Protein backbone atom coordinates (compact mmCIF):
# COMPACT_ATOMS: atom_id res chain seq x y z
CA MET A 1 -0.15 -0.18 -0.01
CA ILE A 2 1.36 3.32 -0.89
CA ASN A 3 -0.61 5.76 0.98
CA GLY A 4 -0.62 8.68 -1.36
CA ASP A 5 1.93 11.66 -1.22
CA ALA A 6 4.68 9.45 -2.91
CA SER A 7 4.66 12.34 -5.92
CA ASP A 8 4.44 15.72 -4.68
CA CYS A 9 3.46 17.53 -8.04
CA TRP A 10 5.60 20.54 -6.43
CA GLU A 11 5.67 22.57 -10.31
CA ALA A 12 1.54 21.95 -10.21
CA SER A 13 0.96 23.07 -6.56
CA LYS A 14 -1.04 26.80 -5.87
CA PHE A 15 1.74 27.40 -3.65
CA ASP A 16 4.31 30.22 -3.84
CA LYS A 17 7.74 28.74 -4.81
CA ASN A 18 11.14 29.42 -3.42
CA PRO A 19 12.81 29.98 -6.46
CA ALA A 20 15.96 28.04 -5.27
CA PHE A 21 14.70 25.16 -5.36
CA ARG A 22 13.03 25.39 -9.14
CA GLU A 23 15.92 23.31 -10.71
CA LYS A 24 15.03 20.86 -7.40
CA GLY A 25 11.33 20.90 -8.36
CA LYS A 26 11.17 20.70 -11.74
CA LEU A 27 7.95 18.54 -12.47
CA VAL A 28 9.70 16.34 -15.50
CA SER A 29 12.75 14.92 -13.10
CA GLU A 30 10.29 14.55 -10.14
CA LEU A 31 8.04 12.10 -12.51
CA LYS A 32 11.27 10.57 -13.21
CA LEU A 33 12.01 9.60 -9.73
CA THR A 34 9.07 8.65 -8.79
CA ARG A 35 8.81 6.53 -11.83
CA ASP A 36 12.43 5.17 -10.88
CA PHE A 37 11.17 4.46 -7.28
CA LEU A 38 8.00 2.38 -8.26
CA VAL A 39 9.96 -0.09 -10.73
CA ARG A 40 12.78 -1.00 -8.22
CA LEU A 41 9.62 -2.03 -6.40
CA ARG A 42 8.37 -3.83 -8.79
CA LYS A 43 11.45 -5.31 -9.30
CA ARG A 44 11.81 -6.22 -5.31
CA PHE A 45 8.28 -7.36 -4.56
CA GLN A 46 7.72 -9.12 -7.81
CA ARG A 47 4.52 -11.33 -6.77
CA ALA A 48 3.28 -8.45 -4.25
CA ARG A 49 -0.19 -6.49 -5.38
CA ILE A 50 0.74 -3.00 -5.34
CA VAL A 51 -1.72 -0.64 -4.66
CA TYR A 52 -0.89 3.30 -4.81
CA VAL A 53 -4.15 5.38 -3.24
CA PHE A 54 -3.64 9.29 -4.31
CA GLY A 55 -3.02 11.82 -1.62
CA ASN A 56 -3.68 15.43 -2.22
CA HIS A 57 -0.07 16.01 -3.67
CA GLU A 58 -0.95 13.63 -6.11
CA HIS A 59 -4.46 15.48 -6.88
CA ARG A 60 -2.37 18.51 -7.59
CA TRP A 61 -2.39 17.42 -10.77
CA ALA A 62 -5.69 16.47 -12.24
CA VAL A 63 -6.07 20.09 -10.64
CA PHE A 64 -3.48 21.70 -12.83
CA ILE A 65 -4.50 20.35 -15.73
CA ALA A 66 -8.27 21.64 -15.18
CA ASN A 67 -7.40 24.78 -14.34
CA ASN A 68 -5.07 25.19 -17.04
CA ALA A 69 -5.60 22.43 -19.69
CA ARG A 70 -9.11 21.78 -19.53
CA GLU A 71 -8.92 21.06 -22.95
CA LEU A 72 -6.82 18.47 -22.75
CA HIS A 73 -8.34 16.40 -20.18
CA GLY A 74 -8.82 12.82 -21.84
CA LEU A 75 -6.18 12.30 -24.09
CA LYS A 76 -3.86 10.02 -24.08
CA GLY A 77 -0.86 10.20 -21.68
CA MET A 78 -3.00 13.50 -19.80
CA THR A 79 -3.08 11.26 -16.51
CA LEU A 80 -0.87 10.99 -13.59
CA GLN A 81 -1.63 7.96 -13.81
CA GLU A 82 -0.16 7.29 -17.29
CA GLN A 83 3.00 9.40 -16.63
CA LEU A 84 3.65 7.60 -13.63
CA GLU A 85 3.54 3.71 -16.12
CA LEU A 86 1.41 2.48 -12.84
CA GLU A 87 -0.19 0.08 -15.44
CA GLU A 88 2.84 -1.07 -16.84
CA ASN A 89 4.28 -1.89 -13.65
CA ARG A 90 1.04 -3.60 -12.38
CA ILE A 91 0.47 -1.28 -9.81
CA GLU A 92 -3.57 -0.72 -8.97
CA CYS A 93 -4.29 3.29 -9.00
CA VAL A 94 -7.14 4.26 -6.32
CA TYR A 95 -8.07 7.78 -7.24
CA SER A 96 -11.80 9.49 -6.31
CA GLY A 97 -10.77 12.17 -8.39
CA ASN A 98 -11.01 14.48 -5.26
CA LYS A 99 -8.32 15.78 -3.00
CA GLU A 100 -9.72 12.73 -0.21
CA THR A 101 -8.91 9.20 -1.63
CA SER A 102 -9.53 5.90 0.41
CA TRP A 103 -9.36 2.28 0.24
CA GLN A 104 -11.11 -0.46 1.91
CA TRP A 105 -9.46 -3.47 2.85
CA GLY A 106 -12.48 -5.61 4.76
CA LYS A 107 -12.84 -3.58 8.23
CA LEU A 108 -10.02 -1.51 7.52
CA LEU A 109 -9.99 1.90 5.71
CA ILE A 110 -7.51 2.74 4.07
CA GLY A 111 -6.78 6.33 2.93
CA HIS A 112 -5.56 10.15 2.57
CA PHE A 113 -7.91 12.41 4.47
CA ASP A 114 -7.75 15.75 4.12
CA ALA A 115 -7.48 16.66 8.35
CA VAL A 116 -4.55 17.23 10.38
CA SER A 117 -4.08 18.05 13.96
CA LYS A 118 -1.44 20.35 15.44
CA HIS A 119 -0.31 16.69 17.82
CA SER A 120 0.57 13.12 16.92
CA GLY A 121 -2.53 10.88 17.57
CA TYR A 122 -5.32 13.50 17.46
CA THR A 123 -6.08 13.61 13.45
CA ALA A 124 -6.51 9.19 14.19
CA LYS A 125 -9.33 10.00 17.08
CA ASN A 126 -11.19 13.12 14.84
CA LEU A 127 -11.27 10.43 12.01
CA LEU A 128 -12.16 7.77 14.08
CA ASP A 129 -15.12 10.06 15.59
CA SER A 130 -16.26 11.10 12.23
CA LYS A 131 -15.72 7.80 10.23
CA GLY A 132 -16.77 5.35 13.10
CA ILE A 133 -14.31 2.32 11.14
CA SER A 134 -10.52 1.71 11.66
CA LEU A 135 -8.33 2.98 9.78
CA ILE A 136 -5.07 4.21 8.65
CA GLN A 137 -4.63 7.92 7.46
CA ASN A 138 -1.37 9.04 6.09
CA HIS A 139 -1.26 13.03 4.84
CA THR A 140 -0.44 14.21 8.46
CA HIS A 141 3.52 13.07 8.69
CA ARG A 142 2.75 12.01 12.03
CA GLY A 143 2.94 8.67 14.04
CA GLY A 144 -0.22 8.34 16.36
CA SER A 145 -3.40 6.28 17.28
CA SER A 146 -6.69 6.33 18.68
CA PHE A 147 -8.23 3.13 20.26
CA LYS A 148 -12.46 3.09 20.91
CA ARG A 149 -14.59 0.77 22.65
CA LEU A 150 -18.25 0.85 20.29
CA TRP A 151 -21.17 -0.75 21.82
CA ASP A 152 -20.74 -3.54 19.83
CA ARG A 153 -17.06 -3.74 18.12
CA ASP A 154 -13.23 -1.83 18.90
CA VAL A 155 -12.39 0.57 16.64
CA VAL A 156 -8.39 1.67 15.95
CA ALA A 157 -7.12 4.46 14.27
CA TYR A 158 -3.59 5.55 12.87
CA GLU A 159 -1.55 8.12 11.82
CA ASN A 160 1.41 6.67 9.44
CA PHE A 161 4.63 8.83 9.66
CA CYS A 162 6.57 10.09 6.53
CA LEU A 163 9.36 8.57 4.71
CA CYS A 164 10.34 12.04 2.92
CA ASP A 165 13.10 15.17 3.43
CA ARG A 166 11.83 16.43 7.02
CA ASN A 167 13.50 19.75 6.08
CA PRO A 168 11.31 20.78 3.25
CA ALA A 169 11.21 24.37 1.70
CA TYR A 170 8.01 25.64 2.67
CA VAL A 171 8.07 25.44 6.22
CA ASP A 172 10.85 25.22 8.48
CA HIS A 173 11.85 22.10 10.93
CA PRO A 174 8.06 20.93 11.12
CA ASN A 175 7.04 18.59 13.58
CA TRP A 176 7.29 14.96 11.16
CA GLN A 177 8.23 11.78 12.02
CA LEU A 178 9.73 9.07 10.21
CA GLY A 179 8.58 5.50 9.68
CA PHE A 180 5.94 2.93 7.95
CA SER A 181 3.18 0.75 9.40
CA ILE A 182 3.15 -2.82 8.98
CA VAL A 183 -0.73 -4.63 8.34
CA TYR A 184 -1.10 -8.01 8.96
CA LYS A 185 -4.56 -9.23 7.83
CA ASP A 186 -6.01 -12.40 8.03
CA LYS A 187 -6.99 -14.62 4.97
CA LYS A 188 -9.98 -16.11 6.77
CA SER A 189 -11.53 -12.94 8.17
CA ASP A 190 -11.26 -9.73 8.44
CA CYS A 191 -9.19 -10.00 11.41
CA PHE A 192 -6.08 -7.30 11.34
CA SER A 193 -3.22 -6.00 13.30
CA VAL A 194 -0.80 -2.90 12.62
CA GLU A 195 2.56 -2.48 13.85
CA GLN A 196 4.00 1.67 13.86
CA HIS A 197 7.49 1.42 12.94
CA PRO A 198 9.01 4.84 14.22
CA ILE A 199 12.25 5.41 12.62
CA VAL A 200 14.20 8.24 15.04
CA GLU A 201 16.70 10.89 13.44
CA ILE A 202 19.66 11.73 15.72
CA VAL A 203 22.26 14.31 14.67
CA LYS A 204 25.39 15.34 15.76
CA GLY A 205 27.70 17.45 14.59
CA GLY A 206 25.64 18.30 11.78
CA GLN A 207 25.37 14.44 10.79
CA ALA A 208 22.29 12.86 10.76
CA THR A 209 21.83 9.49 11.82
CA LEU A 210 18.47 7.14 11.27
CA LYS A 211 17.60 4.20 13.16
CA ALA A 212 15.31 2.06 13.67
CA PHE A 213 14.25 -1.48 15.43
CA PHE A 214 12.33 -3.99 12.73
CA ASN A 215 11.38 -7.47 13.74
CA GLY A 216 14.10 -7.90 16.82
CA THR A 217 16.61 -5.80 15.00
CA PHE A 218 18.47 -2.84 15.19
CA TYR A 219 19.24 -1.27 11.87
CA ALA A 220 21.17 2.62 11.70
CA ASN A 221 22.32 4.56 8.61
């Protein structure tokens, strides 16, 4: 599951852009980086089902076409799915055509919702209250969880960290956490379990080291 914002579409966004990062954020270069990542992912997991849920950053592409070149809508090659060559790499795309997109896997809703709270876990709690279903939310760039007992079942919501540069051009030292989540699901039922794996960054003398535990093993770069 790629739960949105793997592609930034920085040049297509409506926000003011730092000219010093113009070349770094060039759309043609960014799309190539995303395609290369997806190709490596498919080669590494040749038999896996890969599902890519579009986030609000991928949605920027469709908004840009609609606002600036709506006459090109529907032409071959004009969708982000085609630009990223998802079909060629056997990657399923889930995209509602809106800013929010989600995909339900059993009793777990995996989505990129337009909701962000200031503190870790608050977004998970608010989404759990509003949607009433267990879910995983990206978009916040933070890790967190919230559990709730309903009358007939237990539900839980998770915020799923990020795996991006935590020093972007448009914000100074944001409160983001690196990490990833693993979902285990029973093949014969909708029972699932989620493991959250934070990646800790330690900075000493201007040098950053990333550290994490996974499957009982300690990793550091």
